[in-house]
Amino acid sequence: MCDLAALITPFTGDTVFRRDLVLDGSWPRRWSTTWTVGGGQVVWPVRDLGSVPVLDSRPVRRFTWRARQRHRPGLEFMVSTGRQHGFESLEERDLLRALDFVRAREVLPQAFRLDFEHTGGRSAHIPDFLALMPDGNWLFDVRPAALVRDEDALKFAAAREVATAAGWHYTVVGGWRPHVQSVLDALSARRRTRTDPLGLQGQLLAAVADGPLRFGELVEATQWPELARTEAIHLLWHRRLSIDLSEPLGDRSPVWPAGQQPGPAAMGRRS
């Protein structure tokens, strides 16, 4: 499995605002989360988050579209969940695409409202996404690092405390490693289920069975190279083939079987 944390450039400046949170011995009882379950809203204190029927919940805030708004909301289809998910900005859409690539089991936008205490009083925050991952739940906020204000960072610090108390991961997505999103955008174009009447997928997998090949060499090793490009991208998205996401995708990109390591001298033999 691809390590999502290795793709993200996280914002961590919220950690200094932990000192402004009221975190005495009873804070998990006093801090509360509000979820939309069934026909209404239900409140759970942070200490009881483990009892929340997460999969039965709905967003606590609706997505809105209107003329001349500054952000770009929309819907993104995820193969891993089989349905569309709402986003409120292009940055949030990018996260949904990455979560699809790493096989999120479920993604809940704006799953709950957090009410918390800090030295200046009380505040509320609605984290952007709660993702159910193969290795546990992961809470996300999405904000380009350059746009994070102090009041945002305080809310992120509170969300981080709640996630830690619940045993969840937490990340503020402040950006992405170089080339990650351009490569995921290219791969996602061929992510949907497809047929393979010419058996090109089998030819591609057989071609790298003995070691990595460059992408251009890989498709040329098949009976129909031009058609094989589409099948190779499909296999890359579905993690049956692997590439280095930190480099642009092109004909010189090394490709190797999923679950294997390319090796330091792998490309030297085919250069």
Protein backbone atom coordinates (compact mmCIF):
# COMPACT_ATOMS: atom_id res chain seq x y z
CA MET A 1 0.00 0.00 0.00
CA CYS A 2 1.19 3.49 -0.88
CA ASP A 3 1.93 5.61 2.17
CA LEU A 4 -0.38 8.62 1.89
CA ALA A 5 1.77 10.57 4.33
CA ALA A 6 4.67 10.31 1.87
CA LEU A 7 2.63 12.15 -0.78
CA ILE A 8 1.42 15.06 1.35
CA THR A 9 3.24 18.19 2.47
CA PRO A 10 1.59 18.59 5.88
CA PHE A 11 1.06 21.84 7.73
CA THR A 12 2.32 21.37 11.29
CA GLY A 13 2.29 24.94 12.53
CA ASP A 14 -0.80 24.22 14.59
CA THR A 15 1.19 22.31 17.18
CA VAL A 16 2.40 25.53 18.85
CA PHE A 17 -1.24 26.47 19.51
CA ARG A 18 -1.74 23.44 21.73
CA ARG A 19 -0.69 25.65 24.65
CA ASP A 20 -3.85 27.73 24.10
CA LEU A 21 -6.22 24.76 24.48
CA VAL A 22 -7.85 23.89 27.80
CA LEU A 23 -6.58 20.33 28.26
CA ASP A 24 -7.09 19.52 31.90
CA GLY A 25 -8.05 16.08 33.16
CA SER A 26 -11.72 16.37 32.22
CA TRP A 27 -11.46 17.90 28.76
CA PRO A 28 -12.55 14.71 26.89
CA ARG A 29 -15.82 14.90 28.81
CA ARG A 30 -16.39 18.63 28.26
CA TRP A 31 -15.36 18.84 24.61
CA SER A 32 -18.15 17.56 22.38
CA THR A 33 -18.75 16.41 18.82
CA THR A 34 -22.07 16.80 17.02
CA TRP A 35 -23.04 14.30 14.30
CA THR A 36 -26.05 14.03 12.02
CA VAL A 37 -27.48 10.55 12.54
CA GLY A 38 -30.94 9.40 11.50
CA GLY A 39 -33.29 12.33 11.43
CA GLY A 40 -31.40 14.72 13.69
CA GLN A 41 -28.21 15.74 15.40
CA VAL A 42 -26.65 13.76 18.24
CA VAL A 43 -23.89 14.92 20.59
CA TRP A 44 -21.06 12.68 21.78
CA PRO A 45 -18.32 13.86 24.13
CA VAL A 46 -14.82 13.24 22.85
CA ARG A 47 -14.31 10.43 25.36
CA ASP A 48 -17.15 8.47 23.69
CA LEU A 49 -16.11 8.83 20.04
CA GLY A 50 -15.55 5.10 19.83
CA SER A 51 -19.31 4.52 20.15
CA VAL A 52 -20.32 6.81 17.26
CA PRO A 53 -22.01 4.93 14.37
CA VAL A 54 -19.78 6.67 11.87
CA LEU A 55 -21.07 4.87 8.78
CA ASP A 56 -24.65 5.86 9.61
CA SER A 57 -23.84 9.57 9.79
CA ARG A 58 -24.37 12.34 7.26
CA PRO A 59 -22.52 15.66 6.80
CA VAL A 60 -23.29 18.20 9.51
CA ARG A 61 -23.13 20.99 6.94
CA ARG A 62 -24.43 20.99 3.39
CA PHE A 63 -22.32 21.90 0.40
CA THR A 64 -23.48 25.04 -1.41
CA TRP A 65 -22.99 26.41 -4.93
CA ARG A 66 -23.61 30.01 -5.88
CA ALA A 67 -22.50 32.51 -8.48
CA ARG A 68 -19.20 34.36 -7.94
CA GLN A 69 -18.12 32.31 -4.94
CA ARG A 70 -14.36 32.20 -4.53
CA HIS A 71 -13.95 28.47 -3.90
CA ARG A 72 -14.70 25.63 -6.33
CA PRO A 73 -17.08 23.00 -4.90
CA GLY A 74 -18.11 19.88 -6.74
CA LEU A 75 -18.42 16.10 -6.69
CA GLU A 76 -15.61 13.58 -7.17
CA PHE A 77 -16.27 9.94 -8.04
CA MET A 78 -14.14 7.46 -6.08
CA VAL A 79 -13.59 3.95 -7.40
CA SER A 80 -12.68 2.68 -3.93
CA THR A 81 -16.10 3.63 -2.50
CA GLY A 82 -18.15 3.36 -5.70
CA ARG A 83 -19.84 6.74 -5.30
CA GLN A 84 -19.41 10.49 -5.51
CA HIS A 85 -18.12 12.62 -2.65
CA GLY A 86 -18.58 16.34 -2.18
CA PHE A 87 -15.69 18.79 -1.96
CA GLU A 88 -15.57 22.52 -1.37
CA SER A 89 -12.31 23.43 -3.11
CA LEU A 90 -9.91 22.09 -5.72
CA GLU A 91 -7.49 21.30 -2.89
CA GLU A 92 -10.13 19.07 -1.28
CA ARG A 93 -10.76 17.39 -4.65
CA ASP A 94 -7.04 16.60 -4.87
CA LEU A 95 -7.19 14.89 -1.48
CA LEU A 96 -10.20 12.79 -2.53
CA ARG A 97 -8.27 11.63 -5.60
CA ALA A 98 -5.30 10.63 -3.46
CA LEU A 99 -7.57 8.83 -0.98
CA ASP A 100 -9.06 6.90 -3.88
CA PHE A 101 -5.58 5.91 -5.03
CA VAL A 102 -4.63 4.54 -1.60
CA ARG A 103 -7.93 2.65 -1.34
CA ALA A 104 -9.91 4.48 1.33
CA ARG A 105 -12.80 2.24 2.42
CA GLU A 106 -15.08 5.23 3.04
CA VAL A 107 -14.75 9.01 3.08
CA LEU A 108 -17.12 11.21 5.08
CA PRO A 109 -17.04 14.94 4.28
CA GLN A 110 -17.70 17.31 7.18
CA ALA A 111 -18.58 14.37 9.40
CA PHE A 112 -18.97 16.25 12.70
CA ARG A 113 -18.72 19.61 14.44
CA LEU A 114 -16.20 19.89 17.26
CA ASP A 115 -16.93 22.25 20.16
CA PHE A 116 -13.81 22.90 22.23
CA GLU A 117 -12.37 25.15 24.90
CA HIS A 118 -9.33 27.40 24.71
CA THR A 119 -7.90 30.12 26.88
CA GLY A 120 -9.96 32.74 25.05
CA GLY A 121 -13.30 30.94 25.46
CA ARG A 122 -15.06 28.35 23.28
CA SER A 123 -14.94 27.74 19.53
CA ALA A 124 -16.28 25.28 16.99
CA HIS A 125 -14.65 23.55 14.04
CA ILE A 126 -15.86 21.18 11.32
CA PRO A 127 -12.96 19.07 9.97
CA ASP A 128 -13.04 18.56 6.21
CA PHE A 129 -12.96 14.76 5.93
CA LEU A 130 -12.97 11.62 8.02
CA ALA A 131 -11.54 8.74 5.98
CA LEU A 132 -11.83 5.08 6.95
CA MET A 133 -8.54 3.56 5.83
CA PRO A 134 -7.23 -0.02 5.91
CA ASP A 135 -4.97 0.98 8.83
CA GLY A 136 -7.57 2.96 10.78
CA ASN A 137 -9.48 6.23 10.69
CA TRP A 138 -7.81 9.37 9.40
CA LEU A 139 -9.12 12.90 10.06
CA PHE A 140 -8.18 15.62 7.56
CA ASP A 141 -8.27 19.36 7.24
CA VAL A 142 -7.28 20.90 3.92
CA ARG A 143 -5.78 24.37 3.69
CA PRO A 144 -2.82 25.64 1.62
CA ALA A 145 -0.12 26.39 4.18
CA ALA A 146 0.22 30.01 3.05
CA LEU A 147 -3.46 30.65 3.80
CA VAL A 148 -3.56 29.28 7.36
CA ARG A 149 -4.42 32.01 9.87
CA ASP A 150 -3.88 31.83 13.63
CA GLU A 151 -7.57 31.11 14.26
CA ASP A 152 -7.38 28.25 11.74
CA ALA A 153 -4.28 26.83 13.40
CA LEU A 154 -6.00 26.89 16.80
CA LYS A 155 -8.88 24.84 15.37
CA PHE A 156 -6.45 22.43 13.74
CA ALA A 157 -4.67 22.00 17.06
CA ALA A 158 -7.99 21.10 18.70
CA ALA A 159 -8.82 18.62 15.93
CA ARG A 160 -5.41 17.03 16.35
CA GLU A 161 -6.05 16.50 20.08
CA VAL A 162 -9.42 14.92 19.39
CA ALA A 163 -7.99 12.60 16.74
CA THR A 164 -5.22 11.51 19.10
CA ALA A 165 -7.72 10.85 21.89
CA ALA A 166 -9.85 8.75 19.52
CA GLY A 167 -6.88 6.77 18.20
CA TRP A 168 -7.13 8.34 14.73
CA HIS A 169 -4.49 9.79 12.45
CA TYR A 170 -4.73 13.53 11.77
CA THR A 171 -3.22 15.62 8.99
CA VAL A 172 -3.60 19.18 7.79
CA VAL A 173 -2.97 18.94 4.04
CA GLY A 174 -0.97 22.07 3.30
CA GLY A 175 0.27 20.91 -0.09
CA TRP A 176 1.68 17.96 -2.03
CA ARG A 177 5.09 16.61 -2.87
CA PRO A 178 6.34 17.63 -6.34
CA HIS A 179 4.60 15.91 -9.26
CA VAL A 180 2.25 13.84 -7.09
CA GLN A 181 -0.97 15.49 -8.22
CA SER A 182 -0.02 15.66 -11.92
CA VAL A 183 0.75 11.92 -11.90
CA LEU A 184 -2.43 11.03 -10.00
CA ASP A 185 -4.44 13.16 -12.42
CA ALA A 186 -2.99 11.22 -15.36
CA LEU A 187 -3.57 7.84 -13.73
CA SER A 188 -7.12 8.62 -12.60
CA ALA A 189 -8.24 9.06 -16.21
CA ARG A 190 -8.10 5.25 -16.59
CA ARG A 191 -9.26 4.20 -13.12
CA ARG A 192 -12.73 2.86 -13.96
CA THR A 193 -13.43 -0.82 -14.60
CA ARG A 194 -12.57 -1.87 -18.16
CA THR A 195 -12.37 -4.99 -20.29
CA ASP A 196 -9.14 -6.28 -21.82
CA PRO A 197 -10.13 -8.36 -24.89
CA LEU A 198 -6.59 -8.32 -26.33
CA GLY A 199 -4.97 -9.59 -23.15
CA LEU A 200 -2.63 -6.61 -22.95
CA GLN A 201 -2.68 -6.44 -19.17
CA GLY A 202 -1.24 -9.93 -18.97
CA GLN A 203 1.45 -9.00 -21.49
CA LEU A 204 2.39 -5.91 -19.47
CA LEU A 205 2.65 -7.84 -16.22
CA ALA A 206 4.71 -10.57 -17.89
CA ALA A 207 7.09 -7.98 -19.38
CA VAL A 208 8.15 -6.68 -15.94
CA ALA A 209 8.15 -10.07 -14.22
CA ASP A 210 11.96 -10.26 -14.48
CA GLY A 211 12.60 -6.66 -13.44
CA PRO A 212 11.67 -3.02 -14.04
CA LEU A 213 11.29 -1.44 -17.46
CA ARG A 214 10.85 2.14 -18.51
CA PHE A 215 7.24 2.97 -19.39
CA GLY A 216 8.00 3.36 -23.12
CA GLU A 217 9.88 0.06 -23.21
CA LEU A 218 7.10 -1.66 -21.33
CA VAL A 219 4.35 -0.80 -23.78
CA GLU A 220 6.62 -1.59 -26.74
CA ALA A 221 7.04 -5.09 -25.32
CA THR A 222 3.36 -5.82 -26.04
CA GLN A 223 1.57 -6.78 -29.23
CA TRP A 224 -0.27 -3.47 -29.51
CA PRO A 225 1.89 -0.71 -27.94
CA GLU A 226 -0.48 2.23 -28.46
CA LEU A 227 -3.42 0.36 -26.92
CA ALA A 228 -1.19 -0.96 -24.16
CA ARG A 229 -0.57 2.57 -22.87
CA THR A 230 -4.13 2.80 -21.63
CA GLU A 231 -3.95 -0.63 -20.00
CA ALA A 232 -0.62 0.21 -18.33
CA ILE A 233 -2.09 3.37 -16.79
CA HIS A 234 -5.08 1.34 -15.59
CA LEU A 235 -2.74 -1.17 -13.92
CA LEU A 236 -0.75 1.65 -12.31
CA TRP A 237 -3.88 3.17 -10.80
CA HIS A 238 -5.03 -0.21 -9.50
CA ARG A 239 -1.60 -0.85 -7.96
CA ARG A 240 -0.73 -3.89 -10.00
CA LEU A 241 2.21 -1.94 -11.39
CA SER A 242 4.24 0.68 -9.52
CA ILE A 243 6.04 3.93 -10.36
CA ASP A 244 7.78 6.70 -8.45
CA LEU A 245 5.08 9.31 -7.80
CA SER A 246 7.70 11.94 -7.01
CA GLU A 247 8.77 12.09 -10.67
CA PRO A 248 6.78 13.13 -13.79
CA LEU A 249 5.17 10.27 -15.67
CA GLY A 250 6.68 9.73 -19.11
CA ASP A 251 8.23 7.14 -21.39
CA ARG A 252 11.42 7.11 -19.28
CA SER A 253 9.59 6.48 -16.00
CA PRO A 254 10.64 3.17 -14.37
CA VAL A 255 7.78 0.69 -13.90
CA TRP A 256 7.95 -2.43 -11.78
CA PRO A 257 5.53 -5.03 -10.35
CA ALA A 258 3.49 -3.93 -7.36
CA GLY A 259 4.89 -5.09 -4.04
CA GLN A 260 8.47 -5.22 -5.30
CA GLN A 261 11.31 -2.73 -5.08
CA PRO A 262 12.87 -1.42 -8.30
CA GLY A 263 16.47 -1.75 -7.08
CA PRO A 264 19.19 0.91 -7.44
CA ALA A 265 20.60 -0.42 -10.71
CA ALA A 266 17.35 -1.59 -12.26
CA MET A 267 17.30 0.86 -15.14
CA GLY A 268 20.94 0.52 -16.02
CA ARG A 269 20.40 -2.78 -17.80
CA ARG A 270 17.75 -1.37 -20.16
CA SER A 271 19.09 2.19 -20.78
